[in-house]
Amino acid sequence: MSVYSEFFTKFMTPFFDGLVSIFKAFFQGLMRMFNVVTYIEIVNDYKNDLTGVGLVILIFSIIFLVAMFAFIFFVIARSIRTYFRYRRNVRKEDMLIEEIENLNNDILKLKRQNEKIAELTNENGEIELDENGNPVNGLKEGESRFFKLTNVDEKYKEFTPEPINNTFTLAELCDLFRNYSASKLHLYYDINLIRLFIASFASNKLIILEGISGTGKTSLAYAFGSLIDNETTVASVQPSWRDSTEIFGYFNEFTKRFNETEILTKMYEAQYTDEVYITLLDEMNISRVEYYFAEMLSVLELPNKKDWVVELVPNVWENDPVKLDEGKLKVPENMWYIGTINNDDSTFMITDKVYDRAMPIAIDDKAEAFEAPETEAFKISYSYLDNLFAKASEEHAVSEENLEKLQQMDRYVIDHFRLAFGNRIVKQLKDFVPAYVACGGDEIAGIDYLIAHKILRKFEQLNLAYIKDEIDGFITFLEKLYGEGKMPECKAYLLRLKKTI
């Protein structure tokens, strides 16, 4: 061990000697600069020789030296003051942010409390009390605590849904959607946007529509609900949304009722039919998505759809809705969740956790108006649509050549950018690209779009100055791998990123 310790000591000695020398030189320099005794000795050595002009030079030298000392002390004092002022401003800003957060939480609590009080009041706005002075919970004997869900049970109790006979292909569905939006709603979309939108249904239950305001993000989701003759459920996200109760509702201990949201009601209703359901989370990033949609993100990630359940209540009552199992709700497979986002100072950034589990679609411009044939709305069977996606995966599976190129690109990105595709994104690609091809798109174009919007967007979180020199090399790599003129989405994104550096 003595040999090892001797080696380590000698090996590290140059480093520590150099470090000590740096500090010694620094402090020695300071001592020399501010050694007043040295200056006095120099003056004494030359005072007999300095006459006339020499005295002027002496006085000027002393004044200049004092001025330099004063300037150095001024800079140091100013820097210290600026630092503490900055720290004080940062602390104040943090305190304001925390105070705003607390106020938002207080507003949420007051809102909930107000709702609870409102539910306790009668038609005259008075709180009814029992003989013991306790609020009457308003739940009559035999009445279900789930009012809206029970009404859904009643609606479908004697209801026999008509069979839905669909015969369209995915490409035909894209044309039907585009023509319907133009002819009935006067909403005009580029065919490639429609293909991206429909293909996204194959890979994710959460679709994010992003882009500048006024490009038709909300209307796209609304138009699809209108096409399939099943109105889109619109939920306008509020800044006060903090947890999953905004999606599912909550049990009110005062009234002994469950406050059911419109989203919950539609999720429950979807279990009775084979129709496709759309829920729109409008301006979903006006609050943190990880707060109110976290449970859904986790549930929809589970590979076995039998495990797609959420607990609404911890116990079972006699008159609970028939499709609740031990207080748990089955998340319907025939419902998709579409969120619209705007990126401005009033919104929160969408995190990787959300983006990785969603399919983002960028809508950056409007399509030109065009004449479209009259197209009527029609119902879509979820089973039929799901079979179309499965058929697309078989008939248009991503080629082995392109899968190999993906692996090469993955290795390149790991080596040069310290990022990886991940199994989740590869699976999404294998679901999305075949559906995109079946919608009338090109395989390379589908891969290009998904890589640009699912992988390259992660570059924004890296040190852009560090990766600047790597961007041109990556573009050259893409051209060699796929050919010149291919992968335009990736190249355009990389060039936009380079301009921001």
Protein backbone atom coordinates (compact mmCIF):
# COMPACT_ATOMS: atom_id res chain seq x y z
CA MET A 1 0.00 0.00 0.00
CA SER A 2 2.97 2.35 0.63
CA VAL A 3 3.92 2.20 -3.07
CA TYR A 4 0.31 3.07 -4.05
CA SER A 5 0.12 5.97 -1.64
CA GLU A 6 3.51 7.23 -2.76
CA PHE A 7 2.38 7.05 -6.41
CA PHE A 8 -0.88 8.87 -5.70
CA THR A 9 0.89 11.59 -3.69
CA LYS A 10 3.49 12.23 -6.39
CA PHE A 11 0.86 12.05 -9.13
CA MET A 12 -1.37 14.70 -7.53
CA THR A 13 1.47 16.92 -6.24
CA PRO A 14 1.84 19.00 -9.46
CA PHE A 15 -1.87 19.78 -9.44
CA PHE A 16 -2.01 20.94 -5.84
CA ASP A 17 1.35 22.75 -6.11
CA GLY A 18 0.02 24.67 -9.09
CA LEU A 19 -3.23 25.45 -7.25
CA VAL A 20 -1.30 26.75 -4.23
CA SER A 21 0.96 28.79 -6.53
CA ILE A 22 -2.05 30.47 -8.09
CA PHE A 23 -3.43 31.57 -4.72
CA LYS A 24 0.05 32.59 -3.49
CA ALA A 25 0.68 34.68 -6.59
CA PHE A 26 -2.72 36.31 -6.27
CA PHE A 27 -2.27 37.32 -2.65
CA GLN A 28 1.36 38.32 -3.28
CA GLY A 29 0.15 40.59 -6.05
CA LEU A 30 -2.40 42.18 -3.71
CA MET A 31 0.25 42.70 -1.04
CA ARG A 32 2.56 44.39 -3.55
CA MET A 33 -0.21 46.63 -4.90
CA PHE A 34 -1.31 47.86 -1.46
CA ASN A 35 2.09 47.90 0.32
CA VAL A 36 2.10 51.58 1.34
CA VAL A 37 5.53 51.22 3.04
CA THR A 38 7.14 50.44 -0.33
CA TYR A 39 5.65 53.56 -1.90
CA ILE A 40 6.92 55.69 1.04
CA GLU A 41 10.43 54.19 0.75
CA ILE A 42 10.54 54.98 -2.98
CA VAL A 43 9.49 58.58 -2.31
CA ASN A 44 12.18 58.90 0.39
CA ASP A 45 14.80 57.55 -2.01
CA TYR A 46 14.00 60.19 -4.64
CA LYS A 47 12.74 63.15 -2.63
CA ASN A 48 16.09 65.02 -2.72
CA ASP A 49 16.29 64.63 -6.50
CA LEU A 50 12.76 65.71 -7.24
CA THR A 51 12.62 69.47 -7.69
CA GLY A 52 10.48 71.69 -9.90
CA VAL A 53 8.88 69.44 -12.51
CA GLY A 54 9.89 66.44 -10.40
CA LEU A 55 7.64 67.62 -7.55
CA VAL A 56 4.77 67.96 -9.99
CA ILE A 57 5.36 64.39 -11.18
CA LEU A 58 5.54 63.21 -7.54
CA ILE A 59 2.22 64.86 -6.67
CA PHE A 60 0.63 63.57 -9.88
CA SER A 61 1.89 60.03 -9.15
CA ILE A 62 0.48 60.10 -5.62
CA ILE A 63 -2.87 61.46 -6.83
CA PHE A 64 -2.99 58.85 -9.63
CA LEU A 65 -2.18 56.03 -7.18
CA VAL A 66 -4.82 57.20 -4.70
CA ALA A 67 -7.31 57.47 -7.58
CA MET A 68 -6.51 53.90 -8.70
CA PHE A 69 -6.95 52.66 -5.11
CA ALA A 70 -10.24 54.53 -4.89
CA PHE A 71 -11.39 53.14 -8.24
CA ILE A 72 -10.56 49.55 -7.24
CA PHE A 73 -12.37 49.93 -3.91
CA PHE A 74 -15.30 51.56 -5.72
CA VAL A 75 -15.55 48.65 -8.20
CA ILE A 76 -15.35 46.10 -5.39
CA ALA A 77 -17.95 47.93 -3.30
CA ARG A 78 -20.22 48.39 -6.33
CA SER A 79 -19.94 44.70 -7.23
CA ILE A 80 -20.74 43.65 -3.67
CA ARG A 81 -23.70 46.03 -3.52
CA THR A 82 -24.95 44.87 -6.93
CA TYR A 83 -24.68 41.23 -5.88
CA PHE A 84 -26.62 41.76 -2.65
CA ARG A 85 -29.20 43.87 -4.46
CA TYR A 86 -29.58 41.06 -7.04
CA ARG A 87 -29.91 38.46 -4.30
CA ARG A 88 -32.46 40.65 -2.54
CA ASN A 89 -34.48 41.04 -5.77
CA VAL A 90 -34.30 37.30 -6.45
CA ARG A 91 -35.43 36.62 -2.89
CA LYS A 92 -38.31 39.08 -3.29
CA GLU A 93 -39.26 37.49 -6.61
CA ASP A 94 -39.21 34.02 -5.06
CA MET A 95 -41.32 35.29 -2.18
CA LEU A 96 -43.81 36.86 -4.62
CA ILE A 97 -44.03 33.66 -6.63
CA GLU A 98 -44.58 31.67 -3.44
CA GLU A 99 -47.18 34.18 -2.27
CA ILE A 100 -49.00 34.00 -5.61
CA GLU A 101 -48.93 30.19 -5.40
CA ASN A 102 -50.36 30.33 -1.87
CA LEU A 103 -53.04 32.79 -2.96
CA ASN A 104 -54.01 30.50 -5.84
CA ASN A 105 -54.28 27.60 -3.41
CA ASP A 106 -56.38 29.76 -1.07
CA ILE A 107 -58.63 30.72 -3.97
CA LEU A 108 -59.03 27.06 -4.84
CA LYS A 109 -59.93 26.19 -1.24
CA LEU A 110 -62.42 29.07 -1.05
CA LYS A 111 -63.92 27.99 -4.37
CA ARG A 112 -64.35 24.43 -3.08
CA GLN A 113 -65.76 25.70 0.19
CA ASN A 114 -68.17 27.97 -1.68
CA GLU A 115 -69.31 25.02 -3.81
CA LYS A 116 -69.87 22.94 -0.70
CA ILE A 117 -71.89 25.73 0.94
CA ALA A 118 -73.89 26.25 -2.26
CA GLU A 119 -74.79 22.57 -2.31
CA LEU A 120 -76.10 22.81 1.25
CA THR A 121 -78.48 25.69 0.52
CA ASN A 122 -82.09 25.33 -0.51
CA GLU A 123 -83.95 27.29 -3.19
CA ASN A 124 -84.09 30.33 -0.90
CA GLY A 125 -80.31 30.33 -0.41
CA GLU A 126 -80.60 29.11 3.19
CA ILE A 127 -78.69 26.23 4.77
CA GLU A 128 -81.08 23.56 6.00
CA LEU A 129 -80.31 22.18 9.45
CA ASP A 130 -81.60 19.05 11.12
CA GLU A 131 -82.99 18.89 14.66
CA ASN A 132 -79.44 18.68 16.03
CA GLY A 133 -78.30 21.79 14.17
CA ASN A 134 -76.22 19.88 11.63
CA PRO A 135 -76.46 20.63 7.90
CA VAL A 136 -78.87 18.35 6.05
CA ASN A 137 -76.88 16.44 3.47
CA GLY A 138 -79.73 16.52 0.94
CA LEU A 139 -79.27 12.86 -0.03
CA LYS A 140 -82.67 11.23 0.04
CA GLU A 141 -83.21 7.61 0.96
CA GLY A 142 -82.33 5.36 -1.96
CA GLU A 143 -80.72 8.21 -3.90
CA SER A 144 -77.29 7.67 -5.47
CA ARG A 145 -74.40 9.93 -4.51
CA PHE A 146 -73.45 9.92 -8.23
CA PHE A 147 -76.34 11.92 -9.69
CA LYS A 148 -75.03 12.34 -13.26
CA LEU A 149 -73.59 8.84 -13.60
CA THR A 150 -76.84 7.32 -12.35
CA ASN A 151 -78.72 9.33 -14.98
CA VAL A 152 -76.42 7.80 -17.60
CA ASP A 153 -77.35 4.35 -16.26
CA GLU A 154 -81.03 5.23 -16.58
CA LYS A 155 -80.54 6.58 -20.11
CA TYR A 156 -78.88 3.38 -21.33
CA LYS A 157 -80.94 0.94 -19.25
CA GLU A 158 -83.40 0.20 -22.03
CA PHE A 159 -81.26 1.59 -24.84
CA THR A 160 -80.05 -0.61 -27.66
CA PRO A 161 -77.40 1.21 -29.69
CA GLU A 162 -77.75 0.99 -33.45
CA PRO A 163 -74.93 -0.92 -35.14
CA ILE A 164 -72.32 1.29 -36.76
CA ASN A 165 -71.37 0.04 -40.20
CA ASN A 166 -68.20 1.77 -41.37
CA THR A 167 -66.46 0.96 -44.65
CA PHE A 168 -63.95 3.81 -45.07
CA THR A 169 -60.18 3.48 -45.18
CA LEU A 170 -57.89 5.75 -43.18
CA ALA A 171 -57.05 7.75 -46.31
CA GLU A 172 -60.77 8.16 -47.03
CA LEU A 173 -61.38 9.22 -43.42
CA CYS A 174 -58.81 12.01 -43.84
CA ASP A 175 -60.56 13.24 -46.99
CA LEU A 176 -63.99 13.00 -45.36
CA PHE A 177 -62.82 14.99 -42.33
CA ARG A 178 -61.18 17.68 -44.47
CA ASN A 179 -64.21 18.02 -46.77
CA TYR A 180 -66.68 18.01 -43.88
CA SER A 181 -64.77 20.76 -42.04
CA ALA A 182 -64.69 22.89 -45.20
CA SER A 183 -68.25 22.32 -46.42
CA LYS A 184 -70.12 22.34 -43.10
CA LEU A 185 -67.97 24.39 -40.72
CA HIS A 186 -65.97 26.58 -43.15
CA LEU A 187 -62.78 25.41 -41.47
CA TYR A 188 -59.92 24.70 -43.86
CA TYR A 189 -57.01 22.39 -43.09
CA ASP A 190 -54.05 21.12 -45.05
CA ILE A 191 -54.40 17.43 -45.90
CA ASN A 192 -51.06 16.61 -44.27
CA LEU A 193 -52.21 18.13 -40.97
CA ILE A 194 -55.31 15.92 -41.13
CA ARG A 195 -53.11 12.87 -41.78
CA LEU A 196 -50.91 13.70 -38.80
CA PHE A 197 -53.99 14.20 -36.63
CA ILE A 198 -55.71 10.92 -37.57
CA ALA A 199 -52.44 8.92 -37.40
CA SER A 200 -51.79 10.26 -33.90
CA PHE A 201 -54.86 8.36 -32.69
CA ALA A 202 -52.98 5.13 -33.42
CA SER A 203 -50.04 5.89 -31.14
CA ASN A 204 -51.30 7.98 -28.22
CA LYS A 205 -54.44 8.70 -26.21
CA LEU A 206 -53.14 12.22 -25.48
CA ILE A 207 -52.63 14.53 -28.46
CA ILE A 208 -51.19 18.02 -28.01
CA LEU A 209 -52.00 20.71 -30.56
CA GLU A 210 -49.43 23.49 -30.33
CA GLY A 211 -48.65 26.62 -32.28
CA ILE A 212 -49.39 30.30 -32.53
CA SER A 213 -52.79 31.61 -31.53
CA GLY A 214 -55.51 31.70 -34.17
CA THR A 215 -54.37 28.76 -36.31
CA GLY A 216 -57.39 26.57 -35.47
CA LYS A 217 -56.13 24.27 -32.72
CA THR A 218 -59.37 24.26 -30.73
CA SER A 219 -61.58 24.15 -33.82
CA LEU A 220 -59.72 21.09 -35.14
CA ALA A 221 -60.72 19.03 -32.10
CA TYR A 222 -64.23 20.47 -32.19
CA ALA A 223 -64.58 19.74 -35.91
CA PHE A 224 -63.64 16.08 -35.47
CA GLY A 225 -66.27 15.65 -32.75
CA SER A 226 -68.79 17.21 -35.10
CA LEU A 227 -67.75 14.89 -37.96
CA ILE A 228 -68.27 11.74 -35.89
CA ASP A 229 -71.64 13.00 -34.63
CA ASN A 230 -70.48 12.86 -31.01
CA GLU A 231 -69.90 16.36 -29.71
CA THR A 232 -66.44 17.04 -28.27
CA THR A 233 -66.41 17.53 -24.51
CA VAL A 234 -64.68 20.86 -23.91
CA ALA A 235 -62.96 21.53 -20.59
CA SER A 236 -61.36 24.97 -20.28
CA VAL A 237 -58.35 24.50 -18.02
CA GLN A 238 -58.12 27.08 -15.21
CA PRO A 239 -55.00 28.40 -13.43
CA SER A 240 -56.40 27.00 -10.18
CA TRP A 241 -56.32 23.37 -11.37
CA ARG A 242 -54.02 21.56 -8.96
CA ASP A 243 -54.98 17.89 -8.87
CA SER A 244 -56.97 15.12 -10.52
CA THR A 245 -60.24 16.22 -8.90
CA GLU A 246 -60.50 18.75 -11.74
CA ILE A 247 -60.80 15.80 -14.12
CA PHE A 248 -62.80 13.31 -12.07
CA GLY A 249 -64.54 15.44 -9.43
CA TYR A 250 -64.56 14.75 -5.69
CA PHE A 251 -66.75 13.45 -2.89
CA ASN A 252 -68.39 16.19 -0.81
CA GLU A 253 -68.42 15.20 2.84
CA PHE A 254 -71.06 17.84 3.64
CA THR A 255 -73.69 16.78 1.10
CA LYS A 256 -72.60 13.13 0.85
CA ARG A 257 -72.68 13.58 -2.92
CA PHE A 258 -69.96 13.18 -5.48
CA ASN A 259 -69.30 16.32 -7.51
CA GLU A 260 -69.14 14.90 -11.03
CA THR A 261 -67.35 16.76 -13.81
CA GLU A 262 -68.47 16.72 -17.42
CA ILE A 263 -65.31 14.79 -18.30
CA LEU A 264 -66.13 12.08 -15.76
CA THR A 265 -69.69 11.83 -17.06
CA LYS A 266 -68.50 11.35 -20.64
CA MET A 267 -65.86 8.81 -19.55
CA TYR A 268 -68.60 6.83 -17.84
CA GLU A 269 -70.99 7.13 -20.79
CA ALA A 270 -68.28 5.94 -23.20
CA GLN A 271 -68.39 2.52 -21.56
CA TYR A 272 -71.92 1.99 -22.86
CA THR A 273 -71.18 2.50 -26.56
CA ASP A 274 -68.64 1.67 -29.25
CA GLU A 275 -68.51 5.28 -30.48
CA VAL A 276 -65.37 7.42 -30.48
CA TYR A 277 -65.27 10.12 -27.79
CA ILE A 278 -63.12 13.26 -27.76
CA THR A 279 -62.26 15.35 -24.68
CA LEU A 280 -60.65 18.72 -25.31
CA LEU A 281 -58.43 20.27 -22.63
CA ASP A 282 -58.40 23.84 -23.91
CA GLU A 283 -55.27 25.84 -23.00
CA MET A 284 -54.05 22.87 -21.02
CA ASN A 285 -50.77 24.53 -19.97
CA ILE A 286 -52.40 27.51 -18.28
CA SER A 287 -51.87 25.28 -15.22
CA ARG A 288 -49.23 22.59 -14.75
CA VAL A 289 -50.34 19.50 -16.66
CA GLU A 290 -48.39 17.25 -14.24
CA TYR A 291 -50.64 18.47 -11.42
CA TYR A 292 -54.13 17.72 -12.70
CA PHE A 293 -53.41 15.09 -15.39
CA ALA A 294 -50.68 13.10 -13.63
CA GLU A 295 -52.92 10.17 -12.71
CA MET A 296 -54.25 9.87 -16.25
CA LEU A 297 -50.71 9.99 -17.67
CA SER A 298 -49.73 7.08 -15.43
CA VAL A 299 -52.85 5.05 -16.16
CA LEU A 300 -52.69 5.46 -19.95
CA GLU A 301 -49.05 4.34 -19.86
CA LEU A 302 -49.96 0.86 -18.56
CA PRO A 303 -49.58 -1.80 -21.28
CA ASN A 304 -52.57 -3.86 -20.13
CA LYS A 305 -55.77 -1.90 -20.75
CA LYS A 306 -57.53 -3.92 -18.07
CA ASP A 307 -55.45 -1.94 -15.59
CA TRP A 308 -56.77 1.38 -16.86
CA VAL A 309 -58.75 2.18 -13.71
CA VAL A 310 -58.92 5.15 -11.33
CA GLU A 311 -60.35 5.17 -7.85
CA LEU A 312 -63.18 7.64 -7.33
CA VAL A 313 -64.27 6.62 -3.82
CA PRO A 314 -62.68 4.24 -1.31
CA ASN A 315 -65.90 2.44 -0.45
CA VAL A 316 -69.05 1.04 -2.04
CA TRP A 317 -72.62 2.24 -1.45
CA GLU A 318 -75.72 0.33 -2.41
CA ASN A 319 -76.93 2.79 -5.06
CA ASP A 320 -73.60 3.48 -6.76
CA PRO A 321 -73.57 3.45 -10.60
CA VAL A 322 -73.59 -0.04 -12.07
CA LYS A 323 -70.35 0.33 -14.02
CA LEU A 324 -68.29 1.37 -11.01
CA ASP A 325 -66.32 -1.57 -9.68
CA GLU A 326 -65.47 -1.24 -5.98
CA GLY A 327 -65.55 2.54 -6.34
CA LYS A 328 -63.20 2.41 -9.34
CA LEU A 329 -63.85 3.75 -12.84
CA LYS A 330 -62.60 2.00 -15.97
CA VAL A 331 -60.86 4.53 -18.20
CA PRO A 332 -62.53 4.02 -21.60
CA GLU A 333 -60.41 2.86 -24.53
CA ASN A 334 -62.66 4.70 -27.00
CA MET A 335 -61.86 8.19 -25.65
CA TRP A 336 -58.97 10.43 -26.74
CA TYR A 337 -57.78 13.53 -24.91
CA ILE A 338 -56.70 16.49 -27.00
CA GLY A 339 -54.93 19.41 -25.38
CA THR A 340 -54.26 22.81 -26.94
CA ILE A 341 -51.31 24.88 -25.74
CA ASN A 342 -50.06 28.42 -26.25
CA ASN A 343 -46.53 29.38 -25.34
CA ASP A 344 -46.52 32.80 -23.70
CA ASP A 345 -45.76 34.43 -20.35
CA SER A 346 -49.09 33.35 -18.84
CA THR A 347 -48.55 29.61 -19.40
CA PHE A 348 -46.31 26.85 -18.07
CA MET A 349 -43.79 24.89 -20.08
CA ILE A 350 -44.83 21.36 -21.02
CA THR A 351 -42.37 18.98 -19.39
CA ASP A 352 -40.66 15.96 -20.95
CA LYS A 353 -42.84 13.64 -18.89
CA VAL A 354 -45.93 14.95 -20.68
CA TYR A 355 -44.38 15.25 -24.15
CA ASP A 356 -43.00 11.69 -24.00
CA ARG A 357 -46.49 10.34 -23.32
CA ALA A 358 -48.27 12.47 -25.91
CA MET A 359 -48.19 13.11 -29.63
CA PRO A 360 -47.50 16.80 -30.36
CA ILE A 361 -48.84 18.32 -33.57
CA ALA A 362 -47.56 21.75 -34.60
CA ILE A 363 -50.10 24.05 -36.29
CA ASP A 364 -48.19 27.12 -37.43
CA ASP A 365 -50.25 28.44 -40.34
CA LYS A 366 -53.70 28.44 -41.89
CA ALA A 367 -54.69 26.58 -45.03
CA GLU A 368 -56.22 28.38 -47.99
CA ALA A 369 -59.98 28.12 -48.50
CA PHE A 370 -61.11 25.61 -51.14
CA GLU A 371 -64.29 24.21 -52.63
CA ALA A 372 -65.22 20.92 -50.99
CA PRO A 373 -68.02 18.46 -51.75
CA GLU A 374 -70.91 18.42 -49.28
CA THR A 375 -70.06 15.85 -46.62
CA GLU A 376 -72.39 14.70 -43.86
CA ALA A 377 -71.49 13.72 -40.32
CA PHE A 378 -71.42 10.02 -39.46
CA LYS A 379 -70.71 7.90 -36.42
CA ILE A 380 -67.43 6.01 -36.15
CA SER A 381 -67.06 2.66 -34.46
CA TYR A 382 -64.07 2.54 -32.16
CA SER A 383 -63.63 -1.17 -32.87
CA TYR A 384 -63.57 -0.53 -36.61
CA LEU A 385 -61.08 2.36 -36.24
CA ASP A 386 -58.87 0.29 -33.96
CA ASN A 387 -58.90 -2.54 -36.52
CA LEU A 388 -57.85 -0.07 -39.22
CA PHE A 389 -54.86 0.93 -37.11
CA ALA A 390 -53.98 -2.72 -36.49
CA LYS A 391 -54.31 -3.46 -40.20
CA ALA A 392 -52.03 -0.50 -41.00
CA SER A 393 -49.39 -1.85 -38.61
CA GLU A 394 -49.40 -5.13 -40.53
CA GLU A 395 -49.55 -3.78 -44.08
CA HIS A 396 -47.33 -0.72 -43.64
CA ALA A 397 -44.93 -1.78 -40.90
CA VAL A 398 -41.79 0.35 -40.75
CA SER A 399 -39.22 -1.25 -43.05
CA GLU A 400 -36.19 -3.02 -41.61
CA GLU A 401 -33.96 -0.63 -43.57
CA ASN A 402 -35.50 2.40 -41.85
CA LEU A 403 -35.42 0.69 -38.45
CA GLU A 404 -31.69 0.13 -38.95
CA LYS A 405 -31.27 3.78 -39.92
CA LEU A 406 -33.13 4.73 -36.74
CA GLN A 407 -30.64 2.71 -34.72
CA GLN A 408 -27.75 4.47 -36.46
CA MET A 409 -29.37 7.83 -35.75
CA ASP A 410 -29.93 6.81 -32.14
CA ARG A 411 -26.25 5.95 -31.75
CA TYR A 412 -25.23 9.23 -33.37
CA VAL A 413 -27.48 11.27 -31.06
CA ILE A 414 -26.15 9.40 -28.01
CA ASP A 415 -22.52 9.97 -29.01
CA HIS A 416 -22.86 13.63 -29.95
CA PHE A 417 -25.75 14.95 -27.84
CA ARG A 418 -26.03 12.50 -24.93
CA LEU A 419 -29.68 11.78 -25.74
CA ALA A 420 -31.47 8.55 -26.62
CA PHE A 421 -34.71 7.67 -28.38
CA GLY A 422 -36.05 5.37 -25.68
CA ASN A 423 -38.32 2.33 -26.06
CA ARG A 424 -41.48 4.38 -25.55
CA ILE A 425 -40.78 6.62 -28.54
CA VAL A 426 -39.74 3.71 -30.74
CA LYS A 427 -43.06 2.00 -29.94
CA GLN A 428 -44.99 5.17 -30.72
CA LEU A 429 -43.11 5.45 -34.01
CA LYS A 430 -44.01 1.87 -34.97
CA ASP A 431 -47.70 2.69 -34.31
CA PHE A 432 -47.78 6.20 -35.77
CA VAL A 433 -45.82 5.78 -39.02
CA PRO A 434 -47.87 2.85 -40.45
CA ALA A 435 -51.09 4.74 -39.69
CA TYR A 436 -49.65 7.85 -41.32
CA VAL A 437 -48.79 5.84 -44.44
CA ALA A 438 -52.30 4.34 -44.48
CA CYS A 439 -53.66 7.90 -44.29
CA GLY A 440 -51.84 8.68 -47.53
CA GLY A 441 -48.50 9.87 -46.19
CA ASP A 442 -44.93 8.76 -46.84
CA GLU A 443 -42.97 6.53 -44.46
CA ILE A 444 -39.85 8.73 -44.40
CA ALA A 445 -42.03 11.83 -43.89
CA GLY A 446 -43.74 10.18 -40.92
CA ILE A 447 -40.41 9.22 -39.36
CA ASP A 448 -39.08 12.72 -40.08
CA TYR A 449 -42.04 14.37 -38.34
CA LEU A 450 -41.96 12.17 -35.25
CA ILE A 451 -38.18 12.46 -34.77
CA ALA A 452 -38.30 16.25 -35.15
CA HIS A 453 -41.13 16.72 -32.68
CA LYS A 454 -40.37 13.97 -30.18
CA ILE A 455 -36.55 13.79 -30.12
CA LEU A 456 -35.00 16.97 -31.46
CA ARG A 457 -37.18 19.19 -29.29
CA LYS A 458 -35.21 17.77 -26.35
CA PHE A 459 -32.16 19.65 -27.67
CA GLU A 460 -33.66 22.88 -26.31
CA GLN A 461 -32.90 21.65 -22.80
CA LEU A 462 -29.22 21.18 -23.59
CA ASN A 463 -26.48 23.78 -23.48
CA LEU A 464 -27.13 25.29 -26.92
CA ALA A 465 -23.69 26.89 -27.08
CA TYR A 466 -22.18 23.45 -26.47
CA ILE A 467 -24.12 21.71 -29.26
CA LYS A 468 -23.85 24.57 -31.81
CA ASP A 469 -20.86 23.02 -33.57
CA GLU A 470 -22.59 19.62 -33.64
CA ILE A 471 -25.72 20.76 -35.49
CA ASP A 472 -24.11 21.09 -38.93
CA GLY A 473 -22.54 17.66 -38.50
CA PHE A 474 -25.93 16.15 -37.62
CA ILE A 475 -27.53 17.69 -40.73
CA THR A 476 -24.74 16.22 -42.86
CA PHE A 477 -25.28 12.85 -41.16
CA LEU A 478 -29.02 12.94 -41.97
CA GLU A 479 -28.32 13.73 -45.63
CA LYS A 480 -25.87 10.83 -45.91
CA LEU A 481 -28.22 8.45 -44.11
CA TYR A 482 -31.50 9.30 -45.86
CA GLY A 483 -30.39 11.20 -48.93
CA GLU A 484 -30.31 14.86 -49.84
CA GLY A 485 -33.69 16.57 -49.63
CA LYS A 486 -35.06 14.02 -47.16
CA MET A 487 -35.92 14.67 -43.48
CA PRO A 488 -36.95 18.32 -44.08
CA GLU A 489 -38.72 18.64 -40.69
CA CYS A 490 -35.58 17.61 -38.79
CA LYS A 491 -33.33 19.90 -40.83
CA ALA A 492 -35.68 22.86 -40.52
CA TYR A 493 -35.91 22.37 -36.76
CA LEU A 494 -32.12 22.11 -36.39
CA LEU A 495 -31.57 25.27 -38.44
CA ARG A 496 -34.16 27.18 -36.37
CA LEU A 497 -32.42 25.97 -33.22
CA LYS A 498 -29.05 27.11 -34.57
CA LYS A 499 -30.39 30.61 -35.21
CA THR A 500 -31.38 30.99 -31.56
CA ILE A 501 -27.82 30.35 -30.33
